[in-house]
Amino acid sequence: MVYPNKGLRNRDEREQADLFTVLFANKPATRRHLHYVVGGSGITKPGECVLIVDESDEIMFRNLKAFWKKINKEDRTVVCLTAAADDKYEGGVEKEALKAMGF
C-alpha cells in the first residue's frame, strides 16, 4: 500500500486493524507480504508485486517521471485509487499523462 503521507497511512492501519487481525489469523504468511509506504520514493521492493496507490494523483503528479520509472516494470501490477473527480475538464495534462502510462 502506497500513501501520500503518514497521516493517511496511520488512519488506514488504525481503521482496518480488525480486518487485518482476522486476515493474519487465517493466513499468517500474509503479514510478511503486506507493506505500507509513504510516497513514490517508498516503492523499493524488487520483484513481483501488486502496488495499491491511495490518492494516486497526489503521488504521481509530484514527479510523474519518477513515478513511471517505479511502476513501469513487467512484474508490477498497479491499482491507483483517488477521490478526485475530473469534472469533465479537458484542459489539463493529467488525462494525457494517464493515457500515455496506459491507465
Protein backbone atom coordinates (compact mmCIF):
# COMPACT_ATOMS: atom_id res chain seq x y z
CA MET A 1 0.00 0.00 0.00
CA VAL A 2 1.41 3.36 -1.04
CA TYR A 3 0.17 6.52 0.67
CA PRO A 4 0.93 10.21 0.00
CA ASN A 5 1.51 10.94 3.70
CA LYS A 6 1.88 9.29 7.10
CA GLY A 7 -1.48 10.59 8.32
CA LEU A 8 -3.44 8.61 5.71
CA ARG A 9 -1.28 5.54 6.25
CA ASN A 10 -1.80 5.66 10.01
CA ARG A 11 -5.55 6.23 9.62
CA ASP A 12 -5.95 3.22 7.32
CA GLU A 13 -3.86 0.99 9.56
CA ARG A 14 -5.99 2.01 12.53
CA GLU A 15 -9.37 1.77 10.75
CA GLN A 16 -8.56 -1.58 9.11
CA ALA A 17 -6.93 -3.17 12.18
CA ASP A 18 -9.80 -5.62 12.80
CA LEU A 19 -9.80 -6.73 9.16
CA PHE A 20 -6.08 -7.46 9.25
CA THR A 21 -6.36 -9.27 12.62
CA VAL A 22 -8.77 -11.73 11.01
CA LEU A 23 -6.71 -11.97 7.82
CA PHE A 24 -3.44 -12.65 9.66
CA ALA A 25 -5.13 -15.20 11.94
CA ASN A 26 -6.41 -17.15 8.91
CA LYS A 27 -3.38 -16.61 6.65
CA PRO A 28 -0.33 -15.76 8.82
CA ALA A 29 2.03 -15.64 5.82
CA THR A 30 0.14 -12.61 4.51
CA ARG A 31 1.78 -10.42 7.17
CA ARG A 32 5.20 -10.63 5.51
CA HIS A 33 3.77 -9.72 2.09
CA LEU A 34 1.90 -6.55 3.08
CA HIS A 35 3.91 -3.34 3.32
CA TYR A 36 2.85 0.25 3.91
CA VAL A 37 5.00 3.00 2.38
CA VAL A 38 4.69 6.77 2.12
CA GLY A 39 5.29 8.47 -1.22
CA GLY A 40 6.63 7.19 -4.51
CA SER A 41 10.18 7.05 -3.17
CA GLY A 42 8.99 4.35 -0.75
CA ILE A 43 8.39 1.95 -3.66
CA THR A 44 11.62 -0.03 -3.36
CA LYS A 45 10.66 -3.71 -3.17
CA PRO A 46 12.19 -5.61 -6.07
CA GLY A 47 10.37 -8.41 -7.83
CA GLU A 48 6.78 -9.30 -8.43
CA CYS A 49 4.26 -7.23 -6.51
CA VAL A 50 0.92 -5.51 -6.55
CA LEU A 51 1.02 -1.82 -5.67
CA ILE A 52 -2.16 -0.21 -4.37
CA VAL A 53 -1.64 3.55 -4.51
CA ASP A 54 -4.02 5.62 -2.39
CA GLU A 55 -4.62 9.18 -3.57
CA SER A 56 -2.54 8.27 -6.60
CA ASP A 57 -2.95 11.62 -8.34
CA GLU A 58 -1.17 13.36 -5.47
CA ILE A 59 1.72 10.89 -5.60
CA MET A 60 2.11 10.53 -9.36
CA PHE A 61 1.90 14.21 -10.25
CA ARG A 62 4.52 15.24 -7.69
CA ASN A 63 7.06 13.69 -10.06
CA LEU A 64 5.44 11.87 -12.96
CA LYS A 65 8.70 10.65 -14.49
CA ALA A 66 9.93 9.14 -11.21
CA PHE A 67 6.52 7.53 -10.55
CA TRP A 68 6.52 6.00 -14.04
CA LYS A 69 10.01 4.55 -13.54
CA LYS A 70 8.91 2.92 -10.26
CA ILE A 71 5.76 1.29 -11.66
CA ASN A 72 6.68 0.54 -15.28
CA LYS A 73 8.04 -2.95 -14.72
CA GLU A 74 6.97 -6.32 -16.14
CA ASP A 75 6.49 -7.80 -12.67
CA ARG A 76 4.38 -4.95 -11.25
CA THR A 77 0.63 -4.66 -11.14
CA VAL A 78 -0.61 -1.23 -10.10
CA VAL A 79 -4.01 -0.21 -8.77
CA CYS A 80 -4.40 3.55 -8.46
CA LEU A 81 -7.10 4.97 -6.19
CA THR A 82 -8.17 8.59 -5.97
CA ALA A 83 -11.20 10.53 -4.82
CA ALA A 84 -10.58 13.45 -7.16
CA ALA A 85 -13.17 13.99 -9.87
CA ASP A 86 -12.08 15.35 -13.23
CA ASP A 87 -15.41 17.18 -13.71
CA LYS A 88 -15.00 16.53 -17.44
CA TYR A 89 -12.29 19.21 -17.57
CA GLU A 90 -10.39 18.77 -20.83
CA GLY A 91 -7.67 21.43 -20.41
CA GLY A 92 -5.20 19.70 -18.09
CA VAL A 93 -2.27 17.44 -18.89
CA GLU A 94 -3.35 14.83 -16.35
CA LYS A 95 -5.65 12.92 -18.69
CA GLU A 96 -2.99 12.72 -21.42
CA ALA A 97 -0.35 11.65 -18.91
CA LEU A 98 -2.60 8.85 -17.64
CA LYS A 99 -3.31 7.69 -21.19
CA ALA A 100 0.42 7.69 -22.00
CA MET A 101 1.05 5.46 -18.96
CA GLY A 102 -1.66 3.04 -20.07
CA PHE A 103 -4.20 3.82 -17.35
